[in-house]
Amino acid sequence: MIDKRCKTCMWWDSKHMRLDKLPADKLETLGIGQPGICRKHKPASAALEKLYYLGVQPIMDAEDVCGEHRPEKQ
């Protein structure tokens, strides 16, 4: 069993206000049941209407696993 999941990582943010705006139907299609943001790396830029750029973090699922997991400090 893999226990190094996003939900137990110090970089995991499942409380950010942007998460409230995500379309639940699209997340479900992608297999993301418990969305959150990975804060490990700096935000990437995403174009909005080809006029503006927004800094965005990757949207992950709480059950995802990566090689940069760090246990949450208690």
N, C-alpha and C. Protein backbone atom coordinates (compact mmCIF):
# COMPACT_ATOMS: atom_id res chain seq x y z
N MET A 1 0.84 -1.19 0.00
CA MET A 1 0.00 0.00 0.00
C MET A 1 0.88 1.25 0.00
N ILE A 2 0.53 2.19 -0.83
CA ILE A 2 1.28 3.45 -0.91
C ILE A 2 0.65 4.45 0.05
N ASP A 3 1.45 4.97 0.98
CA ASP A 3 0.91 5.92 1.95
C ASP A 3 1.37 7.36 1.69
N LYS A 4 2.13 7.58 0.63
CA LYS A 4 2.63 8.93 0.34
C LYS A 4 1.70 9.64 -0.64
N ARG A 5 0.49 9.87 -0.21
CA ARG A 5 -0.54 10.49 -1.03
C ARG A 5 -0.60 12.00 -0.78
N CYS A 6 -1.13 12.73 -1.75
CA CYS A 6 -1.21 14.19 -1.65
C CYS A 6 -1.85 14.66 -0.34
N LYS A 7 -2.90 13.97 0.09
CA LYS A 7 -3.63 14.42 1.27
C LYS A 7 -2.80 14.41 2.55
N THR A 8 -1.66 13.71 2.55
CA THR A 8 -0.80 13.68 3.74
C THR A 8 0.49 14.47 3.54
N CYS A 9 0.58 15.23 2.46
CA CYS A 9 1.79 15.97 2.11
C CYS A 9 1.75 17.41 2.63
N MET A 10 2.88 17.93 3.02
CA MET A 10 2.94 19.31 3.52
C MET A 10 2.64 20.34 2.42
N TRP A 11 2.76 19.97 1.17
CA TRP A 11 2.50 20.90 0.05
C TRP A 11 1.04 20.94 -0.35
N TRP A 12 0.20 20.08 0.20
CA TRP A 12 -1.21 19.94 -0.17
C TRP A 12 -2.04 21.09 0.40
N ASP A 13 -2.89 21.69 -0.45
CA ASP A 13 -3.80 22.76 -0.04
C ASP A 13 -5.19 22.44 -0.58
N SER A 14 -6.07 22.00 0.28
CA SER A 14 -7.43 21.67 -0.15
C SER A 14 -8.44 22.70 0.33
N LYS A 15 -7.96 23.83 0.84
CA LYS A 15 -8.84 24.86 1.39
C LYS A 15 -8.88 26.15 0.56
N HIS A 16 -8.10 26.24 -0.51
CA HIS A 16 -8.01 27.48 -1.27
C HIS A 16 -9.35 27.84 -1.90
N MET A 17 -9.68 29.14 -1.93
CA MET A 17 -10.98 29.59 -2.42
C MET A 17 -11.19 29.30 -3.91
N ARG A 18 -10.13 29.18 -4.69
CA ARG A 18 -10.29 28.86 -6.11
C ARG A 18 -10.90 27.48 -6.33
N LEU A 19 -10.70 26.59 -5.39
CA LEU A 19 -11.24 25.24 -5.52
C LEU A 19 -12.77 25.23 -5.51
N ASP A 20 -13.38 26.23 -4.88
CA ASP A 20 -14.84 26.32 -4.85
C ASP A 20 -15.43 26.61 -6.23
N LYS A 21 -14.62 27.16 -7.12
CA LYS A 21 -15.10 27.55 -8.46
C LYS A 21 -14.91 26.46 -9.51
N LEU A 22 -14.27 25.37 -9.16
CA LEU A 22 -14.01 24.30 -10.13
C LEU A 22 -15.30 23.59 -10.51
N PRO A 23 -15.50 23.29 -11.79
CA PRO A 23 -16.71 22.57 -12.22
C PRO A 23 -16.66 21.10 -11.80
N ALA A 24 -17.55 20.72 -10.91
CA ALA A 24 -17.55 19.36 -10.35
C ALA A 24 -17.72 18.29 -11.43
N ASP A 25 -18.51 18.56 -12.45
CA ASP A 25 -18.73 17.55 -13.49
C ASP A 25 -17.46 17.27 -14.28
N LYS A 26 -16.67 18.29 -14.55
CA LYS A 26 -15.41 18.10 -15.28
C LYS A 26 -14.37 17.38 -14.41
N LEU A 27 -14.33 17.72 -13.13
CA LEU A 27 -13.41 17.04 -12.22
C LEU A 27 -13.74 15.56 -12.12
N GLU A 28 -15.02 15.25 -12.05
CA GLU A 28 -15.44 13.86 -11.97
C GLU A 28 -15.02 13.09 -13.22
N THR A 29 -15.15 13.72 -14.38
CA THR A 29 -14.72 13.11 -15.64
C THR A 29 -13.23 12.80 -15.62
N LEU A 30 -12.45 13.66 -14.98
CA LEU A 30 -11.00 13.49 -14.89
C LEU A 30 -10.58 12.55 -13.75
N GLY A 31 -11.54 12.10 -12.96
CA GLY A 31 -11.22 11.21 -11.86
C GLY A 31 -10.72 11.92 -10.62
N ILE A 32 -11.07 13.19 -10.47
CA ILE A 32 -10.65 13.97 -9.30
C ILE A 32 -11.84 14.10 -8.37
N GLY A 33 -11.84 13.30 -7.31
CA GLY A 33 -12.95 13.30 -6.36
C GLY A 33 -12.75 14.27 -5.21
N GLN A 34 -11.50 14.45 -4.80
CA GLN A 34 -11.16 15.36 -3.69
C GLN A 34 -10.09 16.32 -4.19
N PRO A 35 -10.48 17.42 -4.86
CA PRO A 35 -9.49 18.32 -5.45
C PRO A 35 -8.70 19.11 -4.42
N GLY A 36 -7.49 19.44 -4.81
CA GLY A 36 -6.62 20.27 -4.00
C GLY A 36 -5.52 20.82 -4.88
N ILE A 37 -4.71 21.69 -4.30
CA ILE A 37 -3.63 22.35 -5.04
C ILE A 37 -2.30 21.88 -4.50
N CYS A 38 -1.37 21.55 -5.40
CA CYS A 38 -0.01 21.21 -5.00
C CYS A 38 0.80 22.50 -4.95
N ARG A 39 1.39 22.80 -3.80
CA ARG A 39 2.16 24.03 -3.60
C ARG A 39 3.67 23.82 -3.69
N LYS A 40 4.10 22.68 -4.17
CA LYS A 40 5.52 22.35 -4.20
C LYS A 40 6.32 23.27 -5.11
N HIS A 41 5.78 23.59 -6.28
CA HIS A 41 6.51 24.40 -7.25
C HIS A 41 5.81 25.74 -7.48
N LYS A 42 6.54 26.68 -8.06
CA LYS A 42 5.95 28.00 -8.35
C LYS A 42 4.80 27.84 -9.34
N PRO A 43 3.84 28.77 -9.33
CA PRO A 43 2.71 28.68 -10.25
C PRO A 43 3.15 28.81 -11.71
N ALA A 44 2.44 28.10 -12.57
CA ALA A 44 2.62 28.26 -14.01
C ALA A 44 1.62 29.32 -14.47
N SER A 45 1.81 29.86 -15.65
CA SER A 45 0.87 30.87 -16.13
C SER A 45 -0.13 30.25 -17.09
N ALA A 46 -1.36 30.72 -16.99
CA ALA A 46 -2.43 30.28 -17.88
C ALA A 46 -3.06 31.52 -18.51
N ALA A 47 -3.25 31.49 -19.82
CA ALA A 47 -3.83 32.64 -20.53
C ALA A 47 -5.34 32.66 -20.34
N LEU A 48 -5.85 33.85 -20.05
CA LEU A 48 -7.28 34.07 -19.95
C LEU A 48 -7.70 35.00 -21.08
N GLU A 49 -8.49 34.49 -22.00
CA GLU A 49 -9.00 35.27 -23.13
C GLU A 49 -7.88 35.94 -23.93
N LYS A 50 -6.70 35.36 -23.93
CA LYS A 50 -5.54 35.85 -24.68
C LYS A 50 -5.14 37.29 -24.32
N LEU A 51 -5.66 37.80 -23.21
CA LEU A 51 -5.35 39.16 -22.78
C LEU A 51 -4.63 39.20 -21.44
N TYR A 52 -4.96 38.24 -20.58
CA TYR A 52 -4.43 38.25 -19.23
C TYR A 52 -3.81 36.89 -18.92
N TYR A 53 -2.94 36.91 -17.93
CA TYR A 53 -2.34 35.66 -17.46
C TYR A 53 -2.61 35.51 -15.97
N LEU A 54 -2.81 34.29 -15.58
CA LEU A 54 -3.11 33.97 -14.19
C LEU A 54 -2.12 32.92 -13.71
N GLY A 55 -1.56 33.10 -12.54
CA GLY A 55 -0.67 32.10 -11.96
C GLY A 55 -1.50 30.97 -11.37
N VAL A 56 -1.25 29.75 -11.80
CA VAL A 56 -2.05 28.61 -11.32
C VAL A 56 -1.15 27.48 -10.85
N GLN A 57 -1.60 26.82 -9.82
CA GLN A 57 -0.94 25.62 -9.30
C GLN A 57 -1.66 24.42 -9.89
N PRO A 58 -1.00 23.27 -9.97
CA PRO A 58 -1.67 22.08 -10.49
C PRO A 58 -2.79 21.61 -9.56
N ILE A 59 -3.91 21.24 -10.17
CA ILE A 59 -5.04 20.67 -9.43
C ILE A 59 -4.81 19.15 -9.36
N MET A 60 -4.81 18.64 -8.16
CA MET A 60 -4.55 17.23 -7.93
C MET A 60 -5.72 16.61 -7.18
N ASP A 61 -5.72 15.29 -7.09
CA ASP A 61 -6.67 14.57 -6.26
C ASP A 61 -5.96 14.16 -4.97
N ALA A 62 -6.70 14.13 -3.88
CA ALA A 62 -6.12 13.78 -2.58
C ALA A 62 -5.45 12.42 -2.57
N GLU A 63 -5.89 11.52 -3.45
CA GLU A 63 -5.34 10.17 -3.50
C GLU A 63 -4.16 10.03 -4.46
N ASP A 64 -3.78 11.11 -5.17
CA ASP A 64 -2.64 11.05 -6.09
C ASP A 64 -1.33 10.87 -5.30
N VAL A 65 -0.32 10.37 -6.00
CA VAL A 65 0.98 10.09 -5.41
C VAL A 65 2.06 10.72 -6.31
N CYS A 66 3.12 11.27 -5.70
CA CYS A 66 4.25 11.75 -6.49
C CYS A 66 5.55 11.46 -5.76
N GLY A 67 6.65 11.65 -6.43
CA GLY A 67 7.96 11.35 -5.86
C GLY A 67 8.51 12.46 -4.97
N GLU A 68 7.79 13.56 -4.83
CA GLU A 68 8.27 14.68 -4.01
C GLU A 68 7.47 14.85 -2.73
N HIS A 69 6.80 13.81 -2.32
CA HIS A 69 5.97 13.84 -1.10
C HIS A 69 6.82 14.17 0.11
N ARG A 70 6.31 15.07 0.93
CA ARG A 70 6.92 15.38 2.23
C ARG A 70 5.81 15.26 3.27
N PRO A 71 6.04 14.47 4.30
CA PRO A 71 5.01 14.32 5.34
C PRO A 71 4.65 15.67 5.95
N GLU A 72 3.38 15.83 6.25
CA GLU A 72 2.93 17.06 6.89
C GLU A 72 3.50 17.13 8.29
N LYS A 73 4.04 18.30 8.65
CA LYS A 73 4.61 18.47 9.99
C LYS A 73 3.50 18.60 11.00
N GLN A 74 3.69 17.94 12.13
CA GLN A 74 2.62 17.95 13.15
C GLN A 74 3.00 18.73 14.35
